[in-house]
């Protein structure tokens, strides 16, 4: 994979993970959530669901574990005290794992991902979402470092 493609792929993977989390949370936040009822004297070893929603003691959504509506890939989103998604863990459309950390405006700021080509990267983004620094390991080329935003 070419170096420019690696950074583009990492940026897309992180943004996809965060966007999936935001969409999942937006849908969940407006949905009516059913209350779980205890079974009488029976405990199952397996719990199956399409979505798990973590609520605090006040009933506020603090996290969601679900699948994306468009790609059916798993997403875990965690919400900060301000009600905004601050961290997401996802498997992207191409099957790559990605972790995204967002700022108070829910903009991607830090990402960690492994591509389908087994390349790995740690990316730092500015408030606009531009990758400004990244450390990558390409399976066929070794370590690469990006410092600054690429100017066209």
Protein backbone atom coordinates (compact mmCIF):
# COMPACT_ATOMS: atom_id res chain seq x y z
CA UNK A 1 0.00 0.00 0.00
CA UNK A 2 1.37 3.47 -0.86
CA UNK A 3 2.08 5.79 2.06
CA UNK A 4 -0.47 8.40 1.01
CA UNK A 5 -3.09 5.66 0.77
CA UNK A 6 -2.18 4.43 4.27
CA UNK A 7 -2.87 7.84 5.82
CA UNK A 8 -6.04 8.31 3.81
CA UNK A 9 -7.24 4.85 4.83
CA UNK A 10 -6.48 5.51 8.51
CA UNK A 11 -8.34 8.82 8.43
CA UNK A 12 -11.35 7.20 6.75
CA UNK A 13 -11.33 4.26 9.19
CA UNK A 14 -11.36 6.53 12.23
CA UNK A 15 -13.99 8.86 10.82
CA UNK A 16 -16.15 5.87 9.83
CA UNK A 17 -15.92 4.48 13.35
CA UNK A 18 -16.92 7.79 14.91
CA UNK A 19 -19.71 8.45 12.41
CA UNK A 20 -21.11 4.97 12.96
CA UNK A 21 -21.16 5.68 16.68
CA UNK A 22 -22.88 9.02 16.23
CA UNK A 23 -25.56 7.53 13.97
CA UNK A 24 -26.14 4.63 16.36
CA UNK A 25 -26.41 6.98 19.32
CA UNK A 26 -28.72 9.38 17.48
CA UNK A 27 -31.10 6.54 16.65
CA UNK A 28 -30.89 5.06 20.13
CA UNK A 29 -31.28 8.38 21.91
CA UNK A 30 -34.65 8.95 20.29
CA UNK A 31 -35.88 5.38 20.60
CA UNK A 32 -38.11 4.08 23.37
CA UNK A 33 -36.03 1.58 25.31
CA UNK A 34 -37.83 -1.45 26.76
CA UNK A 35 -37.16 -2.46 30.34
CA UNK A 36 -35.64 -5.89 30.91
CA UNK A 37 -37.74 -8.20 33.01
CA UNK A 38 -36.18 -10.76 35.32
CA UNK A 39 -36.87 -14.38 34.56
CA UNK A 40 -38.15 -16.45 37.44
CA UNK A 41 -35.39 -18.69 38.77
CA UNK A 42 -33.77 -19.14 35.36
CA UNK A 43 -30.44 -17.82 34.18
CA UNK A 44 -29.36 -18.17 30.58
CA UNK A 45 -25.70 -18.47 29.67
CA UNK A 46 -26.14 -16.50 26.45
CA UNK A 47 -27.70 -13.10 25.92
CA UNK A 48 -28.60 -12.21 22.34
CA UNK A 49 -29.70 -8.83 21.11
CA UNK A 50 -29.36 -6.44 18.21
CA UNK A 51 -28.41 -3.64 20.52
CA UNK A 52 -27.31 -3.03 24.09
CA UNK A 53 -27.78 0.40 25.64
CA UNK A 54 -25.98 1.44 28.82
CA UNK A 55 -27.93 3.86 31.00
CA UNK A 56 -26.84 5.72 34.10
CA UNK A 57 -28.99 5.85 37.23
CA UNK A 58 -30.93 8.80 35.81
CA UNK A 59 -31.83 6.91 32.64
CA UNK A 60 -29.41 8.87 30.42
CA UNK A 61 -27.68 6.97 27.61
CA UNK A 62 -23.97 6.48 28.42
CA UNK A 63 -23.05 3.87 25.85
CA UNK A 64 -24.33 1.81 22.94
CA UNK A 65 -23.21 -1.54 21.55
CA UNK A 66 -24.87 -2.14 18.24
CA UNK A 67 -24.39 -2.76 14.54
CA UNK A 68 -24.39 -0.11 11.83
CA UNK A 69 -27.67 0.29 9.98
CA UNK A 70 -25.95 0.43 6.57
CA UNK A 71 -23.14 -2.09 6.92
CA UNK A 72 -24.17 -4.30 9.89
CA UNK A 73 -20.65 -3.99 11.37
CA UNK A 74 -20.28 -3.80 15.18
CA UNK A 75 -19.89 -0.44 16.91
CA UNK A 76 -19.43 0.46 20.57
CA UNK A 77 -19.91 4.12 21.46
CA UNK A 78 -19.31 5.71 24.85
CA UNK A 79 -20.78 9.02 25.86
CA UNK A 80 -19.27 11.69 28.09
CA UNK A 81 -21.04 13.62 30.82
CA UNK A 82 -22.10 16.18 28.20
CA UNK A 83 -24.10 13.53 26.29
CA UNK A 84 -21.74 13.52 23.31
CA UNK A 85 -19.90 10.54 21.88
CA UNK A 86 -16.31 10.72 23.12
CA UNK A 87 -15.00 7.25 22.24
CA UNK A 88 -15.90 4.61 19.71
CA UNK A 89 -14.67 1.14 18.89
CA UNK A 90 -15.75 -0.28 15.56
CA UNK A 91 -15.11 -2.78 12.84
CA UNK A 92 -15.20 -0.84 9.57
CA UNK A 93 -16.96 -1.86 6.36
CA UNK A 94 -13.80 -3.59 5.06
CA UNK A 95 -13.45 -5.54 8.32
CA UNK A 96 -10.69 -3.41 9.85
CA UNK A 97 -10.74 -2.55 13.58
CA UNK A 98 -10.66 1.15 14.55
CA UNK A 99 -10.77 3.18 17.76
CA UNK A 100 -11.70 6.84 17.67
CA UNK A 101 -11.52 9.52 20.35
CA UNK A 102 -13.40 12.76 19.81
CA UNK A 103 -13.29 16.26 21.20
CA UNK A 104 -16.16 18.15 22.87
CA UNK A 105 -17.59 18.93 19.40
CA UNK A 106 -17.59 15.22 18.47
CA UNK A 107 -14.82 15.76 15.91
CA UNK A 108 -12.34 12.91 15.45
CA UNK A 109 -9.05 13.82 17.14
CA UNK A 110 -7.20 10.55 17.82
CA UNK A 111 -7.45 7.32 15.91
CA UNK A 112 -5.96 3.87 16.09
CA UNK A 113 -6.59 1.40 13.28
CA UNK A 114 -5.38 -1.68 11.45
CA UNK A 115 -6.19 -1.91 7.74
CA UNK A 116 -7.32 -4.94 5.76
CA UNK A 117 -3.70 -5.09 4.48
CA UNK A 118 -2.51 -5.50 8.13
CA UNK A 119 -0.96 -2.01 8.19
CA UNK A 120 -1.32 -0.18 11.50
CA UNK A 121 -1.52 3.52 12.34
CA UNK A 122 -1.94 5.96 15.17
CA UNK A 123 -3.32 9.28 13.90
CA UNK A 124 -3.79 12.73 15.41
CA UNK A 125 -6.26 15.12 13.80
CA UNK A 126 -6.81 18.85 14.18
CA UNK A 127 -10.21 20.43 14.89
CA UNK A 128 -11.03 20.34 11.16
CA UNK A 129 -10.45 16.60 11.01
CA UNK A 130 -7.21 16.84 9.02
CA UNK A 131 -4.56 14.26 9.93
CA UNK A 132 -1.67 16.39 11.24
CA UNK A 133 0.53 13.65 12.67
CA UNK A 134 0.58 9.92 12.33
CA UNK A 135 2.76 6.95 13.05
CA UNK A 136 2.22 3.98 10.80
CA UNK A 137 3.63 0.52 10.33
CA UNK A 138 3.28 -0.81 6.81
CA UNK A 139 3.75 -4.54 6.59
CA UNK A 140 6.00 -4.33 3.52
CA UNK A 141 7.80 -1.01 4.16
CA UNK A 142 8.32 -0.64 7.90
CA UNK A 143 7.65 2.44 10.02
CA UNK A 144 6.53 5.78 8.59
CA UNK A 145 5.89 9.10 10.27
CA UNK A 146 3.69 11.91 9.02
CA UNK A 147 4.28 15.33 10.50
CA UNK A 148 1.95 18.08 9.33
CA UNK A 149 -0.97 18.40 6.95
CA UNK A 150 -0.24 17.55 3.32
CA UNK A 151 -0.61 20.64 1.13
CA UNK A 152 -2.03 20.12 -2.36
